[in-house]
């Protein structure tokens, strides 16, 4: 029996600091046999320490990941480029290496947390988005066909 080819997926957001990094980490953690996952940003800002913290809480270490610019992937092909924020969807409507470009928006934890009154309140926003991204990634690749189709 021949092993199915892994889907190459690039998760894209503006800063490649939080949502796309979480999505990459979840895909590598939950679907390593099905998905070859990467992430990039339009304006990389470095890894968000609070995102690293909330992922570590659930046993996913993304501390070794780095923030990357979309240009690092020029010339590569992906089965899916998934914009996880509205800005990336608007600014990058076409990526030459994408067989399919789709949008699955998640709220931005740093924006949600900026008015938090405590670190715990801020972390709550990160945890909620982390769990939403996990749920999406757990449904992959089937969920991609529903969105794409």
C-alpha atoms as a PDB file:
ATOM      1  CA  UNK A   1       0.000   0.000   0.000  1.00  0.00           C
ATOM      2  CA  UNK A   2       1.354   3.409  -0.979  1.00  0.00           C
ATOM      3  CA  UNK A   3       1.553   6.097   1.677  1.00  0.00           C
ATOM      4  CA  UNK A   4      -0.494   9.230   0.900  1.00  0.00           C
ATOM      5  CA  UNK A   5       1.474  12.382   0.191  1.00  0.00           C
ATOM      6  CA  UNK A   6       1.479  14.933   2.988  1.00  0.00           C
ATOM      7  CA  UNK A   7      -0.230  18.238   2.327  1.00  0.00           C
ATOM      8  CA  UNK A   8       2.168  21.185   2.289  1.00  0.00           C
ATOM      9  CA  UNK A   9       0.463  23.995   4.205  1.00  0.00           C
ATOM     10  CA  UNK A  10       1.647  27.541   4.864  1.00  0.00           C
ATOM     11  CA  UNK A  11      -0.159  29.447   7.604  1.00  0.00           C
ATOM     12  CA  UNK A  12       0.014  33.178   6.929  1.00  0.00           C
ATOM     13  CA  UNK A  13      -0.667  36.224   9.097  1.00  0.00           C
ATOM     14  CA  UNK A  14       0.634  39.746   9.378  1.00  0.00           C
ATOM     15  CA  UNK A  15       3.329  39.405  12.032  1.00  0.00           C
ATOM     16  CA  UNK A  16       3.987  35.639  12.135  1.00  0.00           C
ATOM     17  CA  UNK A  17       4.226  36.025  15.891  1.00  0.00           C
ATOM     18  CA  UNK A  18       1.124  34.351  17.270  1.00  0.00           C
ATOM     19  CA  UNK A  19      -1.776  32.840  15.263  1.00  0.00           C
ATOM     20  CA  UNK A  20       0.165  31.444  12.318  1.00  0.00           C
ATOM     21  CA  UNK A  21       2.863  30.184  14.686  1.00  0.00           C
ATOM     22  CA  UNK A  22       0.246  28.416  16.822  1.00  0.00           C
ATOM     23  CA  UNK A  23      -1.318  26.880  13.727  1.00  0.00           C
ATOM     24  CA  UNK A  24       2.058  25.616  12.515  1.00  0.00           C
ATOM     25  CA  UNK A  25       2.835  24.171  15.955  1.00  0.00           C
ATOM     26  CA  UNK A  26      -0.577  22.495  16.235  1.00  0.00           C
ATOM     27  CA  UNK A  27      -0.271  20.976  12.760  1.00  0.00           C
ATOM     28  CA  UNK A  28       3.183  19.612  13.542  1.00  0.00           C
ATOM     29  CA  UNK A  29       1.934  18.280  16.888  1.00  0.00           C
ATOM     30  CA  UNK A  30      -1.469  16.874  15.870  1.00  0.00           C
ATOM     31  CA  UNK A  31      -1.060  15.986  12.167  1.00  0.00           C
ATOM     32  CA  UNK A  32       2.620  15.213  11.479  1.00  0.00           C
ATOM     33  CA  UNK A  33       1.630  12.247   9.312  1.00  0.00           C
ATOM     34  CA  UNK A  34      -0.780  14.303   7.159  1.00  0.00           C
ATOM     35  CA  UNK A  35       0.553  17.862   7.065  1.00  0.00           C
ATOM     36  CA  UNK A  36       3.940  19.391   6.328  1.00  0.00           C
ATOM     37  CA  UNK A  37       3.342  22.722   8.112  1.00  0.00           C
ATOM     38  CA  UNK A  38       5.033  26.109   7.827  1.00  0.00           C
ATOM     39  CA  UNK A  39       4.166  29.664   8.818  1.00  0.00           C
ATOM     40  CA  UNK A  40       5.110  33.137   7.614  1.00  0.00           C
ATOM     41  CA  UNK A  41       4.151  36.765   7.949  1.00  0.00           C
ATOM     42  CA  UNK A  42       3.865  39.834   5.795  1.00  0.00           C
ATOM     43  CA  UNK A  43       5.717  41.903   8.439  1.00  0.00           C
ATOM     44  CA  UNK A  44       7.410  39.426  10.835  1.00  0.00           C
ATOM     45  CA  UNK A  45       7.606  40.698  14.402  1.00  0.00           C
ATOM     46  CA  UNK A  46       9.246  37.848  16.290  1.00  0.00           C
ATOM     47  CA  UNK A  47       7.658  35.114  18.361  1.00  0.00           C
ATOM     48  CA  UNK A  48       5.066  36.287  20.910  1.00  0.00           C
ATOM     49  CA  UNK A  49       6.162  35.055  24.385  1.00  0.00           C
ATOM     50  CA  UNK A  50       2.562  34.742  25.579  1.00  0.00           C
ATOM     51  CA  UNK A  51       1.726  32.512  22.614  1.00  0.00           C
ATOM     52  CA  UNK A  52       4.714  30.326  23.496  1.00  0.00           C
ATOM     53  CA  UNK A  53       3.514  30.200  27.103  1.00  0.00           C
ATOM     54  CA  UNK A  54      -0.065  29.121  26.370  1.00  0.00           C
ATOM     55  CA  UNK A  55       1.081  26.487  23.884  1.00  0.00           C
ATOM     56  CA  UNK A  56       3.498  25.094  26.486  1.00  0.00           C
ATOM     57  CA  UNK A  57       0.562  24.803  28.903  1.00  0.00           C
ATOM     58  CA  UNK A  58      -0.926  22.149  26.611  1.00  0.00           C
ATOM     59  CA  UNK A  59       2.343  20.343  25.946  1.00  0.00           C
ATOM     60  CA  UNK A  60       3.272  21.960  22.625  1.00  0.00           C
ATOM     61  CA  UNK A  61       6.737  23.520  22.547  1.00  0.00           C
ATOM     62  CA  UNK A  62       7.006  26.186  19.887  1.00  0.00           C
ATOM     63  CA  UNK A  63       9.884  28.054  21.533  1.00  0.00           C
ATOM     64  CA  UNK A  64      12.258  26.930  18.769  1.00  0.00           C
ATOM     65  CA  UNK A  65      10.123  28.375  15.969  1.00  0.00           C
ATOM     66  CA  UNK A  66      11.162  31.638  14.375  1.00  0.00           C
ATOM     67  CA  UNK A  67       9.222  34.451  12.759  1.00  0.00           C
ATOM     68  CA  UNK A  68       9.649  34.284   8.968  1.00  0.00           C
ATOM     69  CA  UNK A  69       8.800  36.592   6.079  1.00  0.00           C
ATOM     70  CA  UNK A  70       6.596  35.296   3.284  1.00  0.00           C
ATOM     71  CA  UNK A  71       9.429  36.032   0.829  1.00  0.00           C
ATOM     72  CA  UNK A  72      11.418  33.134   2.339  1.00  0.00           C
ATOM     73  CA  UNK A  73       8.970  30.797   0.626  1.00  0.00           C
ATOM     74  CA  UNK A  74       9.112  32.270  -2.881  1.00  0.00           C
ATOM     75  CA  UNK A  75       9.589  29.549  -5.458  1.00  0.00           C
ATOM     76  CA  UNK A  76       8.056  26.891  -3.200  1.00  0.00           C
ATOM     77  CA  UNK A  77       4.658  25.328  -3.766  1.00  0.00           C
ATOM     78  CA  UNK A  78       1.994  24.620  -1.179  1.00  0.00           C
ATOM     79  CA  UNK A  79      -1.243  22.711  -1.407  1.00  0.00           C
ATOM     80  CA  UNK A  80      -2.810  25.385   0.810  1.00  0.00           C
ATOM     81  CA  UNK A  81      -1.838  28.835   1.968  1.00  0.00           C
ATOM     82  CA  UNK A  82      -4.164  29.627   4.851  1.00  0.00           C
ATOM     83  CA  UNK A  83      -4.533  33.266   5.864  1.00  0.00           C
ATOM     84  CA  UNK A  84      -5.395  33.228   9.568  1.00  0.00           C
ATOM     85  CA  UNK A  85      -6.033  36.971   9.809  1.00  0.00           C
ATOM     86  CA  UNK A  86      -8.081  39.439   7.801  1.00  0.00           C
ATOM     87  CA  UNK A  87      -5.123  41.694   6.991  1.00  0.00           C
ATOM     88  CA  UNK A  88      -3.148  38.862   5.397  1.00  0.00           C
ATOM     89  CA  UNK A  89      -6.197  37.903   3.358  1.00  0.00           C
ATOM     90  CA  UNK A  90      -6.604  41.461   2.061  1.00  0.00           C
ATOM     91  CA  UNK A  91      -2.920  42.170   1.396  1.00  0.00           C
ATOM     92  CA  UNK A  92      -2.005  38.792  -0.069  1.00  0.00           C
ATOM     93  CA  UNK A  93      -4.907  37.755  -2.312  1.00  0.00           C
ATOM     94  CA  UNK A  94      -2.480  35.780  -4.503  1.00  0.00           C
ATOM     95  CA  UNK A  95       0.586  33.732  -3.658  1.00  0.00           C
ATOM     96  CA  UNK A  96       2.271  32.241  -6.705  1.00  0.00           C
ATOM     97  CA  UNK A  97       3.186  29.002  -4.930  1.00  0.00           C
ATOM     98  CA  UNK A  98      -0.309  28.287  -3.612  1.00  0.00           C
ATOM     99  CA  UNK A  99      -2.504  25.716  -5.268  1.00  0.00           C
ATOM    100  CA  UNK A 100      -5.295  27.076  -3.049  1.00  0.00           C
ATOM    101  CA  UNK A 101      -5.421  30.237  -0.921  1.00  0.00           C
ATOM    102  CA  UNK A 102      -8.109  30.239   1.746  1.00  0.00           C
ATOM    103  CA  UNK A 103      -9.022  32.412   4.716  1.00  0.00           C
ATOM    104  CA  UNK A 104      -9.805  31.097   8.179  1.00  0.00           C
ATOM    105  CA  UNK A 105      -9.769  34.154  10.420  1.00  0.00           C
ATOM    106  CA  UNK A 106      -9.003  34.049  14.112  1.00  0.00           C
ATOM    107  CA  UNK A 107      -9.059  37.026  16.466  1.00  0.00           C
ATOM    108  CA  UNK A 108      -5.679  38.542  17.350  1.00  0.00           C
ATOM    109  CA  UNK A 109      -4.722  37.668  20.957  1.00  0.00           C
ATOM    110  CA  UNK A 110      -2.314  40.612  21.433  1.00  0.00           C
ATOM    111  CA  UNK A 111      -5.024  43.041  20.342  1.00  0.00           C
ATOM    112  CA  UNK A 112      -7.589  41.378  22.607  1.00  0.00           C
ATOM    113  CA  UNK A 113      -5.154  41.346  25.538  1.00  0.00           C
ATOM    114  CA  UNK A 114      -3.954  44.955  25.302  1.00  0.00           C
ATOM    115  CA  UNK A 115      -6.718  46.229  27.608  1.00  0.00           C
ATOM    116  CA  UNK A 116      -6.546  43.283  30.027  1.00  0.00           C
ATOM    117  CA  UNK A 117      -6.347  44.192  33.712  1.00  0.00           C
ATOM    118  CA  UNK A 118      -4.083  41.271  34.581  1.00  0.00           C
ATOM    119  CA  UNK A 119      -1.774  38.746  32.996  1.00  0.00           C
ATOM    120  CA  UNK A 120      -4.333  36.025  33.682  1.00  0.00           C
ATOM    121  CA  UNK A 121      -7.012  37.976  31.828  1.00  0.00           C
ATOM    122  CA  UNK A 122      -4.612  38.505  28.911  1.00  0.00           C
ATOM    123  CA  UNK A 123      -3.662  34.829  28.867  1.00  0.00           C
ATOM    124  CA  UNK A 124      -7.359  33.957  28.729  1.00  0.00           C
ATOM    125  CA  UNK A 125      -7.599  35.586  25.296  1.00  0.00           C
ATOM    126  CA  UNK A 126      -4.545  33.677  24.083  1.00  0.00           C
ATOM    127  CA  UNK A 127      -5.939  30.400  25.441  1.00  0.00           C
ATOM    128  CA  UNK A 128      -9.307  30.880  23.739  1.00  0.00           C
ATOM    129  CA  UNK A 129      -7.724  31.560  20.331  1.00  0.00           C
ATOM    130  CA  UNK A 130      -5.204  28.728  20.880  1.00  0.00           C
ATOM    131  CA  UNK A 131      -8.093  26.331  21.436  1.00  0.00           C
ATOM    132  CA  UNK A 132      -9.988  27.606  18.377  1.00  0.00           C
ATOM    133  CA  UNK A 133      -6.915  27.075  16.219  1.00  0.00           C
ATOM    134  CA  UNK A 134      -6.461  23.589  17.680  1.00  0.00           C
ATOM    135  CA  UNK A 135     -10.050  22.714  16.800  1.00  0.00           C
ATOM    136  CA  UNK A 136      -9.526  23.906  13.223  1.00  0.00           C
ATOM    137  CA  UNK A 137      -6.251  22.001  12.812  1.00  0.00           C
ATOM    138  CA  UNK A 138      -7.755  18.828  14.304  1.00  0.00           C
ATOM    139  CA  UNK A 139     -10.299  18.879  11.469  1.00  0.00           C
ATOM    140  CA  UNK A 140      -7.638  19.127   8.787  1.00  0.00           C
ATOM    141  CA  UNK A 141      -7.413  18.091   6.008  1.00  0.00           C
ATOM    142  CA  UNK A 142     -11.173  17.403   5.749  1.00  0.00           C
ATOM    143  CA  UNK A 143     -12.080  20.911   6.941  1.00  0.00           C
ATOM    144  CA  UNK A 144     -10.001  22.424   4.126  1.00  0.00           C
ATOM    145  CA  UNK A 145     -12.064  20.700   1.459  1.00  0.00           C
ATOM    146  CA  UNK A 146     -15.280  22.076   2.992  1.00  0.00           C
ATOM    147  CA  UNK A 147     -13.927  25.633   3.020  1.00  0.00           C
ATOM    148  CA  UNK A 148     -12.315  25.320  -0.380  1.00  0.00           C
ATOM    149  CA  UNK A 149     -15.170  23.497  -2.049  1.00  0.00           C
END
